[in-house]
Amino acid sequence: MLSYERLHIDRPLFYGLAILSLLSLLTVFSASGSSLDVVLRHLLRLAFGYTLLVMIAQVRTRALRELPPALAA
């Protein structure tokens, strides 16, 4: 089973994003004239975005706090 705490993901925010993503898929499907090719490309972009979301959620906040001095050098 998926553990949101282990993945460091806020459940209400994740569910809200999932609902908005589903609505965007329906909107793209309707606006594209029922073109599955356009919907599949949109779905691929959503999957890429969710993958980035999970990856960035794993970064420790301490590492983010130490990052600006390293960028200034």
N, C-alpha and C. Protein backbone atom coordinates (compact mmCIF):
# COMPACT_ATOMS: atom_id res chain seq x y z
N MET A 1 0.83 -1.19 0.00
CA MET A 1 0.00 0.00 0.00
C MET A 1 0.87 1.24 0.00
N LEU A 2 0.40 2.28 -0.66
CA LEU A 2 1.13 3.54 -0.78
C LEU A 2 1.10 4.30 0.54
N SER A 3 2.26 4.66 1.03
CA SER A 3 2.36 5.41 2.28
C SER A 3 2.70 6.85 1.96
N TYR A 4 1.72 7.76 2.14
CA TYR A 4 1.94 9.17 1.84
C TYR A 4 2.95 9.80 2.79
N GLU A 5 2.96 9.33 4.05
CA GLU A 5 3.91 9.87 5.02
C GLU A 5 5.34 9.52 4.62
N ARG A 6 5.54 8.32 4.14
CA ARG A 6 6.88 7.90 3.74
C ARG A 6 7.34 8.66 2.50
N LEU A 7 6.41 9.02 1.64
CA LEU A 7 6.76 9.77 0.43
C LEU A 7 6.79 11.29 0.66
N HIS A 8 6.43 11.73 1.87
CA HIS A 8 6.44 13.14 2.22
C HIS A 8 5.50 13.95 1.33
N ILE A 9 4.29 13.45 1.13
CA ILE A 9 3.31 14.12 0.28
C ILE A 9 2.09 14.46 1.12
N ASP A 10 1.63 15.69 0.97
CA ASP A 10 0.45 16.18 1.67
C ASP A 10 -0.80 15.61 0.99
N ARG A 11 -1.57 14.80 1.71
CA ARG A 11 -2.73 14.12 1.11
C ARG A 11 -3.76 15.06 0.50
N PRO A 12 -4.26 16.05 1.25
CA PRO A 12 -5.29 16.93 0.65
C PRO A 12 -4.78 17.64 -0.60
N LEU A 13 -3.54 18.08 -0.58
CA LEU A 13 -2.98 18.75 -1.76
C LEU A 13 -2.87 17.77 -2.93
N PHE A 14 -2.43 16.54 -2.64
CA PHE A 14 -2.31 15.53 -3.68
C PHE A 14 -3.66 15.19 -4.29
N TYR A 15 -4.67 15.02 -3.44
CA TYR A 15 -6.01 14.71 -3.95
C TYR A 15 -6.58 15.87 -4.77
N GLY A 16 -6.32 17.10 -4.32
CA GLY A 16 -6.77 18.25 -5.09
C GLY A 16 -6.11 18.31 -6.46
N LEU A 17 -4.81 18.04 -6.51
CA LEU A 17 -4.10 18.01 -7.79
C LEU A 17 -4.62 16.89 -8.69
N ALA A 18 -4.93 15.75 -8.10
CA ALA A 18 -5.45 14.63 -8.88
C ALA A 18 -6.81 14.97 -9.50
N ILE A 19 -7.67 15.63 -8.72
CA ILE A 19 -8.99 16.03 -9.24
C ILE A 19 -8.83 17.05 -10.36
N LEU A 20 -7.94 18.04 -10.16
CA LEU A 20 -7.70 19.03 -11.21
C LEU A 20 -7.09 18.39 -12.46
N SER A 21 -6.25 17.39 -12.26
CA SER A 21 -5.65 16.69 -13.40
C SER A 21 -6.71 15.95 -14.20
N LEU A 22 -7.63 15.30 -13.50
CA LEU A 22 -8.72 14.60 -14.20
C LEU A 22 -9.61 15.58 -14.95
N LEU A 23 -9.89 16.72 -14.33
CA LEU A 23 -10.69 17.73 -15.02
C LEU A 23 -9.96 18.28 -16.24
N SER A 24 -8.64 18.42 -16.13
CA SER A 24 -7.87 18.90 -17.28
C SER A 24 -7.88 17.88 -18.42
N LEU A 25 -7.84 16.60 -18.06
CA LEU A 25 -7.92 15.56 -19.10
C LEU A 25 -9.27 15.61 -19.82
N LEU A 26 -10.33 15.80 -19.07
CA LEU A 26 -11.65 15.91 -19.69
C LEU A 26 -11.76 17.15 -20.57
N THR A 27 -11.18 18.25 -20.10
CA THR A 27 -11.22 19.49 -20.87
C THR A 27 -10.42 19.36 -22.16
N VAL A 28 -9.24 18.77 -22.08
CA VAL A 28 -8.42 18.57 -23.28
C VAL A 28 -9.12 17.63 -24.25
N PHE A 29 -9.73 16.58 -23.74
CA PHE A 29 -10.46 15.64 -24.59
C PHE A 29 -11.59 16.35 -25.33
N SER A 30 -12.33 17.19 -24.62
CA SER A 30 -13.43 17.91 -25.23
C SER A 30 -12.95 18.96 -26.22
N ALA A 31 -11.91 19.70 -25.86
CA ALA A 31 -11.42 20.79 -26.71
C ALA A 31 -10.68 20.28 -27.94
N SER A 32 -10.14 19.07 -27.87
CA SER A 32 -9.38 18.54 -29.00
C SER A 32 -10.26 17.83 -30.02
N GLY A 33 -11.55 17.85 -29.80
CA GLY A 33 -12.45 17.14 -30.72
C GLY A 33 -12.34 15.64 -30.56
N SER A 34 -12.19 15.19 -29.33
CA SER A 34 -12.10 13.77 -28.98
C SER A 34 -10.86 13.08 -29.58
N SER A 35 -9.78 13.84 -29.70
CA SER A 35 -8.53 13.29 -30.23
C SER A 35 -7.77 12.59 -29.11
N LEU A 36 -7.65 11.28 -29.21
CA LEU A 36 -6.93 10.52 -28.19
C LEU A 36 -5.43 10.80 -28.21
N ASP A 37 -4.89 11.18 -29.36
CA ASP A 37 -3.47 11.50 -29.44
C ASP A 37 -3.14 12.70 -28.55
N VAL A 38 -3.96 13.73 -28.61
CA VAL A 38 -3.74 14.92 -27.78
C VAL A 38 -3.91 14.58 -26.30
N VAL A 39 -4.89 13.77 -25.99
CA VAL A 39 -5.13 13.38 -24.60
C VAL A 39 -3.96 12.54 -24.06
N LEU A 40 -3.44 11.64 -24.87
CA LEU A 40 -2.30 10.82 -24.43
C LEU A 40 -1.05 11.68 -24.20
N ARG A 41 -0.82 12.68 -25.06
CA ARG A 41 0.31 13.58 -24.84
C ARG A 41 0.13 14.36 -23.55
N HIS A 42 -1.10 14.81 -23.29
CA HIS A 42 -1.38 15.53 -22.05
C HIS A 42 -1.19 14.62 -20.84
N LEU A 43 -1.62 13.38 -20.95
CA LEU A 43 -1.44 12.41 -19.88
C LEU A 43 0.04 12.13 -19.62
N LEU A 44 0.83 12.07 -20.67
CA LEU A 44 2.28 11.88 -20.52
C LEU A 44 2.90 13.06 -19.77
N ARG A 45 2.47 14.27 -20.11
CA ARG A 45 2.99 15.45 -19.40
C ARG A 45 2.56 15.44 -17.94
N LEU A 46 1.34 15.02 -17.66
CA LEU A 46 0.88 14.92 -16.27
C LEU A 46 1.71 13.89 -15.50
N ALA A 47 1.98 12.76 -16.12
CA ALA A 47 2.79 11.72 -15.47
C ALA A 47 4.19 12.24 -15.18
N PHE A 48 4.76 12.99 -16.11
CA PHE A 48 6.08 13.58 -15.89
C PHE A 48 6.03 14.56 -14.72
N GLY A 49 4.98 15.38 -14.66
CA GLY A 49 4.83 16.33 -13.56
C GLY A 49 4.67 15.66 -12.21
N TYR A 50 3.87 14.62 -12.15
CA TYR A 50 3.70 13.89 -10.89
C TYR A 50 4.99 13.19 -10.46
N THR A 51 5.74 12.70 -11.43
CA THR A 51 7.04 12.09 -11.11
C THR A 51 7.98 13.12 -10.50
N LEU A 52 8.02 14.32 -11.09
CA LEU A 52 8.84 15.39 -10.52
C LEU A 52 8.35 15.78 -9.13
N LEU A 53 7.03 15.82 -8.95
CA LEU A 53 6.47 16.16 -7.64
C LEU A 53 6.96 15.21 -6.56
N VAL A 54 6.91 13.92 -6.84
CA VAL A 54 7.34 12.93 -5.86
C VAL A 54 8.85 13.01 -5.63
N MET A 55 9.61 13.23 -6.69
CA MET A 55 11.06 13.32 -6.54
C MET A 55 11.46 14.55 -5.72
N ILE A 56 10.86 15.69 -5.99
CA ILE A 56 11.20 16.90 -5.26
C ILE A 56 10.74 16.82 -3.82
N ALA A 57 9.64 16.11 -3.57
CA ALA A 57 9.15 15.95 -2.20
C ALA A 57 10.13 15.17 -1.33
N GLN A 58 11.04 14.42 -1.94
CA GLN A 58 11.99 13.63 -1.18
C GLN A 58 13.22 14.43 -0.74
N VAL A 59 13.40 15.62 -1.28
CA VAL A 59 14.55 16.45 -0.94
C VAL A 59 14.37 16.98 0.48
N ARG A 60 15.39 16.83 1.28
CA ARG A 60 15.32 17.30 2.67
C ARG A 60 15.36 18.82 2.71
N THR A 61 14.60 19.41 3.63
CA THR A 61 14.56 20.87 3.74
C THR A 61 15.92 21.43 4.16
N ARG A 62 16.68 20.68 4.92
CA ARG A 62 18.01 21.15 5.31
C ARG A 62 18.89 21.33 4.07
N ALA A 63 18.78 20.42 3.13
CA ALA A 63 19.56 20.54 1.90
C ALA A 63 19.14 21.78 1.12
N LEU A 64 17.86 22.10 1.14
CA LEU A 64 17.38 23.29 0.44
C LEU A 64 17.87 24.57 1.12
N ARG A 65 17.96 24.56 2.45
CA ARG A 65 18.44 25.73 3.18
C ARG A 65 19.93 25.98 2.92
N GLU A 66 20.68 24.93 2.71
CA GLU A 66 22.12 25.06 2.46
C GLU A 66 22.43 25.35 1.00
N LEU A 67 21.46 25.29 0.13
CA LEU A 67 21.69 25.47 -1.29
C LEU A 67 22.02 26.91 -1.70
N PRO A 68 21.36 27.96 -1.23
CA PRO A 68 21.67 29.31 -1.70
C PRO A 68 23.12 29.74 -1.53
N PRO A 69 23.81 29.48 -0.41
CA PRO A 69 25.22 29.87 -0.35
C PRO A 69 26.07 29.15 -1.39
N ALA A 70 25.72 27.92 -1.69
CA ALA A 70 26.47 27.18 -2.71
C ALA A 70 26.26 27.77 -4.09
N LEU A 71 25.07 28.30 -4.35
CA LEU A 71 24.79 28.92 -5.65
C LEU A 71 25.46 30.28 -5.79
N ALA A 72 25.66 30.99 -4.68
CA ALA A 72 26.26 32.32 -4.71
C ALA A 72 27.76 32.27 -4.99
N ALA A 73 28.37 31.14 -4.72
CA ALA A 73 29.84 31.06 -4.87
C ALA A 73 30.26 31.00 -6.32
